C-alpha cells in the first residue's frame, strides 16, 4: 500500500471518530445545562424558611377623587377587522369637566378608538383635549378596558394621562398617576361619565 493510500485510509477512519467525539461532547454539555436548569427550578420552588415573616408594604397605594368628565359622543363607525379583533371609532363631540375647584369643557373633535377582542374584552384609547376655565388646554389620552358579564355591571376601568403646560397652574397633572372608573352617563343620552382619581 502506498503512503497516499495510508493517509486516505487514516483520514476516513479518523473522521467518524472525531464526529462521534463531537456528538458525545455536545450531548454531555446539553445534559449539564438541562441539569443546572432543573436544579435552579427546584431551588426556586422551595418554601421560605419558617422563621421568615413577610410584612406588607408600609405604603399601600390608595386613591383620591378629583373630578368628573362628562364626554358626549356621536354614533360609532366601524373601521373593520384587524389582526386582533374588530376596530371602531366613537367621535367625542363635547362635554364638561367638574370637580372641587376644577371647571372646564371637553373640546369637540376627539375620538375613542376601540378594539373588540375575540375573548369579549374591549380595549379603548380615547384621545381628546379639555379646556379649563382659565383657557388652558390640556391633552388627554385615556386607555383602558371594558368587560361585560351577564347579570353584572360592566367592568370599565382606565388609566388617563394628562399633558398640561408646565408653566400653568395645572402642572400638577403632569406629576401623578390617574385612574378612572367609567360608565354610560346615568341621566344623559349619548354620553359617558368618567370619574378621575389620583393615585396617592
C-alpha atoms as a PDB file:
ATOM      1  CA  UNK A   1       0.000   0.000   0.000  1.00  0.00           C
ATOM      2  CA  UNK A   2       1.319   3.438  -0.942  1.00  0.00           C
ATOM      3  CA  UNK A   3       1.769   6.291   1.534  1.00  0.00           C
ATOM      4  CA  UNK A   4      -1.003   8.201  -0.214  1.00  0.00           C
ATOM      5  CA  UNK A   5      -3.445   5.301   0.352  1.00  0.00           C
ATOM      6  CA  UNK A   6      -2.364   5.045   4.013  1.00  0.00           C
ATOM      7  CA  UNK A   7      -3.152   8.732   4.576  1.00  0.00           C
ATOM      8  CA  UNK A   8      -6.529   8.391   2.834  1.00  0.00           C
ATOM      9  CA  UNK A   9      -7.469   5.343   4.897  1.00  0.00           C
ATOM     10  CA  UNK A  10      -6.338   7.040   8.121  1.00  0.00           C
ATOM     11  CA  UNK A  11      -8.455  10.137   7.351  1.00  0.00           C
ATOM     12  CA  UNK A  12     -11.537   8.078   6.524  1.00  0.00           C
ATOM     13  CA  UNK A  13     -11.159   6.210   9.829  1.00  0.00           C
ATOM     14  CA  UNK A  14     -10.477   9.348  11.895  1.00  0.00           C
ATOM     15  CA  UNK A  15     -13.377  11.420  10.579  1.00  0.00           C
ATOM     16  CA  UNK A  16     -16.187   9.205  12.002  1.00  0.00           C
ATOM     17  CA  UNK A  17     -14.287   9.005  15.305  1.00  0.00           C
ATOM     18  CA  UNK A  18     -13.983  12.776  15.513  1.00  0.00           C
ATOM     19  CA  UNK A  19     -17.661  13.115  14.642  1.00  0.00           C
ATOM     20  CA  UNK A  20     -18.620  10.687  17.395  1.00  0.00           C
ATOM     21  CA  UNK A  21     -16.445  12.531  19.929  1.00  0.00           C
ATOM     22  CA  UNK A  22     -18.013  15.866  18.945  1.00  0.00           C
ATOM     23  CA  UNK A  23     -21.548  14.466  19.272  1.00  0.00           C
ATOM     24  CA  UNK A  24     -20.738  12.973  22.672  1.00  0.00           C
ATOM     25  CA  UNK A  25     -19.301  16.296  23.888  1.00  0.00           C
ATOM     26  CA  UNK A  26     -22.398  18.168  22.678  1.00  0.00           C
ATOM     27  CA  UNK A  27     -24.738  15.719  24.423  1.00  0.00           C
ATOM     28  CA  UNK A  28     -22.727  15.976  27.638  1.00  0.00           C
ATOM     29  CA  UNK A  29     -22.891  19.787  27.555  1.00  0.00           C
ATOM     30  CA  UNK A  30     -26.629  19.773  26.845  1.00  0.00           C
ATOM     31  CA  UNK A  31     -27.191  17.352  29.706  1.00  0.00           C
ATOM     32  CA  UNK A  32     -25.211  19.561  32.085  1.00  0.00           C
ATOM     33  CA  UNK A  33     -27.210  22.668  31.098  1.00  0.00           C
ATOM     34  CA  UNK A  34     -30.515  20.795  31.499  1.00  0.00           C
ATOM     35  CA  UNK A  35     -29.458  19.554  34.946  1.00  0.00           C
ATOM     36  CA  UNK A  36     -28.490  23.085  36.033  1.00  0.00           C
ATOM     37  CA  UNK A  37     -31.869  24.477  34.875  1.00  0.00           C
ATOM     38  CA  UNK A  38     -33.711  21.651  36.626  1.00  0.00           C
ATOM     39  CA  UNK A  39     -31.810  22.267  39.859  1.00  0.00           C
ATOM     40  CA  UNK A  40     -32.422  26.024  39.624  1.00  0.00           C
ATOM     41  CA  UNK A  41     -36.171  25.477  39.121  1.00  0.00           C
ATOM     42  CA  UNK A  42     -36.298  23.096  42.073  1.00  0.00           C
ATOM     43  CA  UNK A  43     -34.495  25.613  44.286  1.00  0.00           C
ATOM     44  CA  UNK A  44     -36.880  28.433  43.304  1.00  0.00           C
ATOM     45  CA  UNK A  45     -39.845  26.224  44.253  1.00  0.00           C
ATOM     46  CA  UNK A  46     -38.532  25.631  47.769  1.00  0.00           C
ATOM     47  CA  UNK A  47     -40.724  27.123  50.542  1.00  0.00           C
ATOM     48  CA  UNK A  48     -39.425  30.031  52.588  1.00  0.00           C
ATOM     49  CA  UNK A  49     -37.886  29.176  55.954  1.00  0.00           C
ATOM     50  CA  UNK A  50     -40.496  29.180  58.711  1.00  0.00           C
ATOM     51  CA  UNK A  51     -38.728  31.893  60.684  1.00  0.00           C
ATOM     52  CA  UNK A  52     -39.201  34.461  57.860  1.00  0.00           C
ATOM     53  CA  UNK A  53     -42.410  36.506  58.160  1.00  0.00           C
ATOM     54  CA  UNK A  54     -43.363  38.554  55.115  1.00  0.00           C
ATOM     55  CA  UNK A  55     -44.569  42.021  56.077  1.00  0.00           C
ATOM     56  CA  UNK A  56     -46.982  44.064  53.970  1.00  0.00           C
ATOM     57  CA  UNK A  57     -45.519  47.223  52.418  1.00  0.00           C
ATOM     58  CA  UNK A  58     -45.545  50.332  54.595  1.00  0.00           C
ATOM     59  CA  UNK A  59     -47.299  52.290  51.844  1.00  0.00           C
ATOM     60  CA  UNK A  60     -50.465  50.778  50.456  1.00  0.00           C
ATOM     61  CA  UNK A  61     -51.488  52.922  47.452  1.00  0.00           C
ATOM     62  CA  UNK A  62     -54.934  54.469  47.656  1.00  0.00           C
ATOM     63  CA  UNK A  63     -56.780  56.968  45.505  1.00  0.00           C
ATOM     64  CA  UNK A  64     -58.238  60.451  45.861  1.00  0.00           C
ATOM     65  CA  UNK A  65     -61.291  61.513  43.849  1.00  0.00           C
ATOM     66  CA  UNK A  66     -60.624  64.731  41.902  1.00  0.00           C
ATOM     67  CA  UNK A  67     -63.219  65.452  39.223  1.00  0.00           C
ATOM     68  CA  UNK A  68     -65.614  64.016  36.656  1.00  0.00           C
ATOM     69  CA  UNK A  69     -65.528  64.281  32.896  1.00  0.00           C
ATOM     70  CA  UNK A  70     -68.821  64.010  31.038  1.00  0.00           C
ATOM     71  CA  UNK A  71     -67.987  63.319  27.393  1.00  0.00           C
ATOM     72  CA  UNK A  72     -70.755  63.484  24.819  1.00  0.00           C
ATOM     73  CA  UNK A  73     -70.409  61.149  21.851  1.00  0.00           C
ATOM     74  CA  UNK A  74     -71.974  60.522  18.459  1.00  0.00           C
ATOM     75  CA  UNK A  75     -72.696  57.260  16.669  1.00  0.00           C
ATOM     76  CA  UNK A  76     -69.694  54.954  16.271  1.00  0.00           C
ATOM     77  CA  UNK A  77     -68.363  53.980  12.895  1.00  0.00           C
ATOM     78  CA  UNK A  78     -66.821  50.582  12.352  1.00  0.00           C
ATOM     79  CA  UNK A  79     -63.380  50.523  10.798  1.00  0.00           C
ATOM     80  CA  UNK A  80     -63.446  46.751  10.376  1.00  0.00           C
ATOM     81  CA  UNK A  81     -61.484  43.619  11.266  1.00  0.00           C
ATOM     82  CA  UNK A  82     -57.832  43.733  12.294  1.00  0.00           C
ATOM     83  CA  UNK A  83     -55.319  41.076  13.306  1.00  0.00           C
ATOM     84  CA  UNK A  84     -56.648  41.193  16.896  1.00  0.00           C
ATOM     85  CA  UNK A  85     -60.364  41.924  16.546  1.00  0.00           C
ATOM     86  CA  UNK A  86     -62.888  44.473  15.302  1.00  0.00           C
ATOM     87  CA  UNK A  87     -61.870  48.146  15.326  1.00  0.00           C
ATOM     88  CA  UNK A  88     -64.331  51.018  15.694  1.00  0.00           C
ATOM     89  CA  UNK A  89     -64.127  54.730  16.492  1.00  0.00           C
ATOM     90  CA  UNK A  90     -66.565  56.822  18.536  1.00  0.00           C
ATOM     91  CA  UNK A  91     -66.384  60.586  17.902  1.00  0.00           C
ATOM     92  CA  UNK A  92     -66.233  62.814  21.012  1.00  0.00           C
ATOM     93  CA  UNK A  93     -68.438  65.859  20.446  1.00  0.00           C
ATOM     94  CA  UNK A  94     -68.039  67.867  23.685  1.00  0.00           C
ATOM     95  CA  UNK A  95     -68.794  67.694  27.377  1.00  0.00           C
ATOM     96  CA  UNK A  96     -67.872  69.114  30.760  1.00  0.00           C
ATOM     97  CA  UNK A  97     -65.154  68.840  33.434  1.00  0.00           C
ATOM     98  CA  UNK A  98     -66.373  69.362  37.001  1.00  0.00           C
ATOM     99  CA  UNK A  99     -64.776  68.955  40.399  1.00  0.00           C
ATOM    100  CA  UNK A 100     -63.772  70.856  43.538  1.00  0.00           C
ATOM    101  CA  UNK A 101     -62.087  73.992  42.198  1.00  0.00           C
ATOM    102  CA  UNK A 102     -61.972  72.438  38.722  1.00  0.00           C
ATOM    103  CA  UNK A 103     -64.219  73.600  35.903  1.00  0.00           C
ATOM    104  CA  UNK A 104     -63.726  73.072  32.186  1.00  0.00           C
ATOM    105  CA  UNK A 105     -65.118  71.660  28.992  1.00  0.00           C
ATOM    106  CA  UNK A 106     -64.338  68.820  26.607  1.00  0.00           C
ATOM    107  CA  UNK A 107     -63.158  70.183  23.268  1.00  0.00           C
ATOM    108  CA  UNK A 108     -65.059  68.631  20.336  1.00  0.00           C
ATOM    109  CA  UNK A 109     -63.029  66.695  17.792  1.00  0.00           C
ATOM    110  CA  UNK A 110     -61.511  63.808  19.725  1.00  0.00           C
ATOM    111  CA  UNK A 111     -62.366  60.130  19.375  1.00  0.00           C
ATOM    112  CA  UNK A 112     -62.472  56.908  21.358  1.00  0.00           C
ATOM    113  CA  UNK A 113     -60.821  54.131  19.343  1.00  0.00           C
ATOM    114  CA  UNK A 114     -61.923  50.669  20.422  1.00  0.00           C
ATOM    115  CA  UNK A 115     -60.757  47.139  19.714  1.00  0.00           C
ATOM    116  CA  UNK A 116     -63.261  44.356  20.400  1.00  0.00           C
ATOM    117  CA  UNK A 117     -61.178  41.243  21.043  1.00  0.00           C
ATOM    118  CA  UNK A 118     -62.291  37.687  20.441  1.00  0.00           C
ATOM    119  CA  UNK A 119     -62.279  36.967  24.200  1.00  0.00           C
ATOM    120  CA  UNK A 120     -65.060  39.508  24.824  1.00  0.00           C
ATOM    121  CA  UNK A 121     -62.836  42.280  26.214  1.00  0.00           C
ATOM    122  CA  UNK A 122     -62.870  45.706  24.540  1.00  0.00           C
ATOM    123  CA  UNK A 123     -59.692  47.767  24.619  1.00  0.00           C
ATOM    124  CA  UNK A 124     -60.102  51.510  24.258  1.00  0.00           C
ATOM    125  CA  UNK A 125     -57.943  54.562  23.700  1.00  0.00           C
ATOM    126  CA  UNK A 126     -59.631  57.942  23.814  1.00  0.00           C
ATOM    127  CA  UNK A 127     -57.660  60.998  22.711  1.00  0.00           C
ATOM    128  CA  UNK A 128     -59.051  64.498  23.075  1.00  0.00           C
ATOM    129  CA  UNK A 129     -58.467  67.853  24.795  1.00  0.00           C
ATOM    130  CA  UNK A 130     -60.074  69.693  27.691  1.00  0.00           C
ATOM    131  CA  UNK A 131     -60.166  73.456  28.134  1.00  0.00           C
ATOM    132  CA  UNK A 132     -60.056  74.722  31.710  1.00  0.00           C
ATOM    133  CA  UNK A 133     -61.837  77.875  32.906  1.00  0.00           C
ATOM    134  CA  UNK A 134     -58.597  79.879  32.657  1.00  0.00           C
ATOM    135  CA  UNK A 135     -58.395  78.988  28.920  1.00  0.00           C
ATOM    136  CA  UNK A 136     -55.612  76.418  29.454  1.00  0.00           C
ATOM    137  CA  UNK A 137     -55.803  73.490  27.034  1.00  0.00           C
ATOM    138  CA  UNK A 138     -54.777  70.044  28.305  1.00  0.00           C
ATOM    139  CA  UNK A 139     -54.285  66.968  26.148  1.00  0.00           C
ATOM    140  CA  UNK A 140     -55.975  63.790  27.388  1.00  0.00           C
ATOM    141  CA  UNK A 141     -55.102  60.188  26.492  1.00  0.00           C
ATOM    142  CA  UNK A 142     -57.299  57.656  28.250  1.00  0.00           C
ATOM    143  CA  UNK A 143     -56.575  53.932  27.844  1.00  0.00           C
ATOM    144  CA  UNK A 144     -58.415  51.018  29.429  1.00  0.00           C
ATOM    145  CA  UNK A 145     -60.732  48.067  29.019  1.00  0.00           C
ATOM    146  CA  UNK A 146     -64.437  47.292  29.119  1.00  0.00           C
ATOM    147  CA  UNK A 147     -65.643  43.810  30.004  1.00  0.00           C
ATOM    148  CA  UNK A 148     -69.278  42.811  30.362  1.00  0.00           C
ATOM    149  CA  UNK A 149     -70.517  39.700  32.115  1.00  0.00           C
ATOM    150  CA  UNK A 150     -74.125  38.616  32.062  1.00  0.00           C
ATOM    151  CA  UNK A 151     -76.165  39.982  35.008  1.00  0.00           C
ATOM    152  CA  UNK A 152     -73.196  42.045  36.268  1.00  0.00           C
ATOM    153  CA  UNK A 153     -72.235  45.716  35.855  1.00  0.00           C
ATOM    154  CA  UNK A 154     -69.615  46.274  33.174  1.00  0.00           C
ATOM    155  CA  UNK A 155     -66.003  46.449  34.310  1.00  0.00           C
ATOM    156  CA  UNK A 156     -64.971  49.780  32.753  1.00  0.00           C
ATOM    157  CA  UNK A 157     -61.608  50.982  34.089  1.00  0.00           C
ATOM    158  CA  UNK A 158     -58.959  53.195  32.541  1.00  0.00           C
ATOM    159  CA  UNK A 159     -55.610  54.884  33.128  1.00  0.00           C
ATOM    160  CA  UNK A 160     -55.686  58.507  31.986  1.00  0.00           C
ATOM    161  CA  UNK A 161     -52.659  60.638  31.076  1.00  0.00           C
ATOM    162  CA  UNK A 162     -52.837  64.427  31.098  1.00  0.00           C
ATOM    163  CA  UNK A 163     -50.362  66.666  29.292  1.00  0.00           C
ATOM    164  CA  UNK A 164     -50.715  70.186  30.687  1.00  0.00           C
ATOM    165  CA  UNK A 165     -48.463  73.222  30.063  1.00  0.00           C
ATOM    166  CA  UNK A 166     -45.691  73.127  32.662  1.00  0.00           C
ATOM    167  CA  UNK A 167     -45.937  76.904  33.217  1.00  0.00           C
ATOM    168  CA  UNK A 168     -49.645  76.694  34.109  1.00  0.00           C
ATOM    169  CA  UNK A 169     -51.417  76.074  37.404  1.00  0.00           C
ATOM    170  CA  UNK A 170     -52.280  72.620  36.008  1.00  0.00           C
ATOM    171  CA  UNK A 171     -48.688  71.345  36.013  1.00  0.00           C
ATOM    172  CA  UNK A 172     -49.584  69.035  38.921  1.00  0.00           C
ATOM    173  CA  UNK A 173     -51.488  66.922  36.394  1.00  0.00           C
ATOM    174  CA  UNK A 174     -48.131  66.039  34.812  1.00  0.00           C
ATOM    175  CA  UNK A 175     -46.796  64.756  38.125  1.00  0.00           C
ATOM    176  CA  UNK A 176     -49.159  61.944  39.109  1.00  0.00           C
ATOM    177  CA  UNK A 177     -50.823  58.719  38.002  1.00  0.00           C
ATOM    178  CA  UNK A 178     -54.579  58.915  37.408  1.00  0.00           C
ATOM    179  CA  UNK A 179     -57.105  56.079  37.293  1.00  0.00           C
ATOM    180  CA  UNK A 180     -60.701  56.252  36.131  1.00  0.00           C
ATOM    181  CA  UNK A 181     -63.983  54.482  36.694  1.00  0.00           C
ATOM    182  CA  UNK A 182     -66.260  54.989  33.718  1.00  0.00           C
ATOM    183  CA  UNK A 183     -69.803  54.159  32.672  1.00  0.00           C
ATOM    184  CA  UNK A 184     -72.579  55.294  30.420  1.00  0.00           C
ATOM    185  CA  UNK A 185     -73.940  58.518  31.874  1.00  0.00           C
ATOM    186  CA  UNK A 186     -76.852  57.703  34.225  1.00  0.00           C
ATOM    187  CA  UNK A 187     -79.046  60.653  33.120  1.00  0.00           C
ATOM    188  CA  UNK A 188     -77.735  61.874  29.742  1.00  0.00           C
ATOM    189  CA  UNK A 189     -78.121  60.073  26.437  1.00  0.00           C
ATOM    190  CA  UNK A 190     -75.067  59.607  24.208  1.00  0.00           C
ATOM    191  CA  UNK A 191     -72.650  60.499  26.991  1.00  0.00           C
ATOM    192  CA  UNK A 192     -70.029  58.773  29.129  1.00  0.00           C
ATOM    193  CA  UNK A 193     -69.276  59.629  32.769  1.00  0.00           C
ATOM    194  CA  UNK A 194     -65.590  59.340  33.686  1.00  0.00           C
ATOM    195  CA  UNK A 195     -64.623  59.674  37.362  1.00  0.00           C
ATOM    196  CA  UNK A 196     -60.957  60.657  37.750  1.00  0.00           C
ATOM    197  CA  UNK A 197     -58.882  59.566  40.778  1.00  0.00           C
ATOM    198  CA  UNK A 198     -55.283  60.398  41.641  1.00  0.00           C
ATOM    199  CA  UNK A 199     -53.150  57.534  42.915  1.00  0.00           C
ATOM    200  CA  UNK A 200     -51.501  58.503  46.214  1.00  0.00           C
END
